[in-house]
Amino acid sequence: MPQPLHSLRPQMILAELRDYLAEHRRVSLQDMAHRFDADMHALRGMLATLERKGRVRKLPAGSVCGTCARCDQAAPELYEWVDAPGDAAPPTAGPV
């Protein structure tokens, strides 16, 4: 079972969130909250940091995650990983 985000250091939290997004490409806020056992409001703050760095973008309302398109949410809040120039594979543990 994954360790809750609130028990980790901030840099480790961002690194895990970054790695998860890089691996899954498009992820709903609800999915991340479930995966990391974290409050959605707290995750939005971390995602905002990754957005400022140009690594993540919030998708417009009505976007689909690309997995099954059968989400039970009326309008899921989706985030998408943004590859940096030169990225060959999802990142591994390291600086955010």
C-alpha atoms as a PDB file:
ATOM      1  CA  MET A   1       0.000   0.000   0.000  1.00  0.00           C
ATOM      2  CA  PRO A   2       1.409   3.428  -0.882  1.00  0.00           C
ATOM      3  CA  GLN A   3       2.557   5.718   1.871  1.00  0.00           C
ATOM      4  CA  PRO A   4       0.241   8.727   2.391  1.00  0.00           C
ATOM      5  CA  LEU A   5       1.602  11.974   0.939  1.00  0.00           C
ATOM      6  CA  HIS A   6       1.153  13.880   4.187  1.00  0.00           C
ATOM      7  CA  SER A   7       3.796  11.725   5.872  1.00  0.00           C
ATOM      8  CA  LEU A   8       6.500  12.444   3.281  1.00  0.00           C
ATOM      9  CA  ARG A   9       8.934  15.322   2.789  1.00  0.00           C
ATOM     10  CA  PRO A  10       7.730  17.924   0.220  1.00  0.00           C
ATOM     11  CA  GLN A  11      10.443  17.137  -2.376  1.00  0.00           C
ATOM     12  CA  MET A  12       9.680  13.426  -2.164  1.00  0.00           C
ATOM     13  CA  ILE A  13       5.980  14.165  -2.603  1.00  0.00           C
ATOM     14  CA  LEU A  14       6.595  16.214  -5.748  1.00  0.00           C
ATOM     15  CA  ALA A  15       8.943  13.543  -7.101  1.00  0.00           C
ATOM     16  CA  GLU A  16       6.373  10.784  -6.611  1.00  0.00           C
ATOM     17  CA  LEU A  17       3.594  12.886  -8.104  1.00  0.00           C
ATOM     18  CA  ARG A  18       5.845  13.802 -11.041  1.00  0.00           C
ATOM     19  CA  ASP A  19       6.773  10.155 -11.641  1.00  0.00           C
ATOM     20  CA  TYR A  20       3.127   9.044 -11.449  1.00  0.00           C
ATOM     21  CA  LEU A  21       2.024  11.663 -13.965  1.00  0.00           C
ATOM     22  CA  ALA A  22       4.937  10.886 -16.293  1.00  0.00           C
ATOM     23  CA  GLU A  23       4.069   7.196 -16.220  1.00  0.00           C
ATOM     24  CA  HIS A  24       0.303   7.563 -16.683  1.00  0.00           C
ATOM     25  CA  ARG A  25       0.394  10.697 -18.928  1.00  0.00           C
ATOM     26  CA  ARG A  26      -3.186  11.874 -18.126  1.00  0.00           C
ATOM     27  CA  VAL A  27      -4.585  11.492 -14.639  1.00  0.00           C
ATOM     28  CA  SER A  28      -7.657  12.780 -12.837  1.00  0.00           C
ATOM     29  CA  LEU A  29      -7.286  14.660  -9.584  1.00  0.00           C
ATOM     30  CA  GLN A  30      -9.565  12.080  -7.964  1.00  0.00           C
ATOM     31  CA  ASP A  31      -7.274   9.250  -9.112  1.00  0.00           C
ATOM     32  CA  MET A  32      -4.194  10.992  -7.672  1.00  0.00           C
ATOM     33  CA  ALA A  33      -6.010  11.645  -4.382  1.00  0.00           C
ATOM     34  CA  HIS A  34      -6.873   7.952  -4.168  1.00  0.00           C
ATOM     35  CA  ARG A  35      -3.402   6.745  -5.214  1.00  0.00           C
ATOM     36  CA  PHE A  36      -1.558   8.953  -2.729  1.00  0.00           C
ATOM     37  CA  ASP A  37      -4.209   9.017   0.020  1.00  0.00           C
ATOM     38  CA  ALA A  38      -4.088  12.816  -0.150  1.00  0.00           C
ATOM     39  CA  ASP A  39      -6.500  15.729   0.034  1.00  0.00           C
ATOM     40  CA  MET A  40      -7.409  17.091  -3.406  1.00  0.00           C
ATOM     41  CA  HIS A  41      -6.799  20.680  -2.281  1.00  0.00           C
ATOM     42  CA  ALA A  42      -3.255  19.781  -1.179  1.00  0.00           C
ATOM     43  CA  LEU A  43      -2.622  18.017  -4.492  1.00  0.00           C
ATOM     44  CA  ARG A  44      -3.770  21.095  -6.428  1.00  0.00           C
ATOM     45  CA  GLY A  45      -1.029  23.090  -4.705  1.00  0.00           C
ATOM     46  CA  MET A  46       1.612  20.542  -5.690  1.00  0.00           C
ATOM     47  CA  LEU A  47       0.264  20.345  -9.229  1.00  0.00           C
ATOM     48  CA  ALA A  48       0.423  24.150  -9.448  1.00  0.00           C
ATOM     49  CA  THR A  49       4.155  23.917  -8.697  1.00  0.00           C
ATOM     50  CA  LEU A  50       4.620  21.418 -11.516  1.00  0.00           C
ATOM     51  CA  GLU A  51       2.489  23.609 -13.816  1.00  0.00           C
ATOM     52  CA  ARG A  52       4.707  26.636 -13.119  1.00  0.00           C
ATOM     53  CA  LYS A  53       7.721  24.518 -14.057  1.00  0.00           C
ATOM     54  CA  GLY A  54       6.045  23.561 -17.333  1.00  0.00           C
ATOM     55  CA  ARG A  55       5.942  19.835 -16.533  1.00  0.00           C
ATOM     56  CA  VAL A  56       2.167  19.448 -16.101  1.00  0.00           C
ATOM     57  CA  ARG A  57      -0.866  21.121 -17.612  1.00  0.00           C
ATOM     58  CA  LYS A  58      -4.449  21.159 -16.419  1.00  0.00           C
ATOM     59  CA  LEU A  59      -6.713  20.038 -19.230  1.00  0.00           C
ATOM     60  CA  PRO A  60      -9.866  21.953 -20.157  1.00  0.00           C
ATOM     61  CA  ALA A  61     -13.208  20.817 -18.770  1.00  0.00           C
ATOM     62  CA  GLY A  62     -14.708  18.062 -20.896  1.00  0.00           C
ATOM     63  CA  SER A  63     -11.351  16.432 -21.708  1.00  0.00           C
ATOM     64  CA  VAL A  64     -11.085  12.664 -21.367  1.00  0.00           C
ATOM     65  CA  CYS A  65      -8.223  10.843 -19.710  1.00  0.00           C
ATOM     66  CA  GLY A  66      -7.657   8.537 -22.654  1.00  0.00           C
ATOM     67  CA  THR A  67      -8.049   5.264 -20.797  1.00  0.00           C
ATOM     68  CA  CYS A  68     -11.695   4.268 -21.029  1.00  0.00           C
ATOM     69  CA  ALA A  69     -13.697   7.546 -21.308  1.00  0.00           C
ATOM     70  CA  ARG A  70     -16.302   6.129 -18.917  1.00  0.00           C
ATOM     71  CA  CYS A  71     -15.494   8.233 -15.870  1.00  0.00           C
ATOM     72  CA  ASP A  72     -18.356   8.499 -13.396  1.00  0.00           C
ATOM     73  CA  GLN A  73     -17.520  12.142 -12.713  1.00  0.00           C
ATOM     74  CA  ALA A  74     -19.570  14.770 -14.564  1.00  0.00           C
ATOM     75  CA  ALA A  75     -16.429  16.784 -15.357  1.00  0.00           C
ATOM     76  CA  PRO A  76     -13.236  15.229 -14.008  1.00  0.00           C
ATOM     77  CA  GLU A  77     -10.330  17.554 -13.256  1.00  0.00           C
ATOM     78  CA  LEU A  78      -7.576  16.157 -15.471  1.00  0.00           C
ATOM     79  CA  TYR A  79      -3.861  16.845 -15.573  1.00  0.00           C
ATOM     80  CA  GLU A  80      -1.421  15.861 -18.302  1.00  0.00           C
ATOM     81  CA  TRP A  81       2.342  15.325 -18.179  1.00  0.00           C
ATOM     82  CA  VAL A  82       4.352  17.602 -20.473  1.00  0.00           C
ATOM     83  CA  ASP A  83       7.577  16.146 -21.854  1.00  0.00           C
ATOM     84  CA  ALA A  84      10.572  18.453 -21.744  1.00  0.00           C
ATOM     85  CA  PRO A  85      12.773  18.685 -24.817  1.00  0.00           C
ATOM     86  CA  GLY A  86      15.144  15.734 -24.716  1.00  0.00           C
ATOM     87  CA  ASP A  87      12.965  13.558 -22.454  1.00  0.00           C
ATOM     88  CA  ALA A  88      13.406   9.980 -23.594  1.00  0.00           C
ATOM     89  CA  ALA A  89      11.534   8.187 -20.833  1.00  0.00           C
ATOM     90  CA  PRO A  90       9.542   8.992 -17.702  1.00  0.00           C
ATOM     91  CA  PRO A  91      11.825  10.417 -14.999  1.00  0.00           C
ATOM     92  CA  THR A  92      13.101   8.409 -12.096  1.00  0.00           C
ATOM     93  CA  ALA A  93      13.762   9.653  -8.591  1.00  0.00           C
ATOM     94  CA  GLY A  94      15.688  12.898  -8.632  1.00  0.00           C
ATOM     95  CA  PRO A  95      15.220  16.638  -8.349  1.00  0.00           C
ATOM     96  CA  VAL A  96      11.867  18.080  -9.353  1.00  0.00           C
END
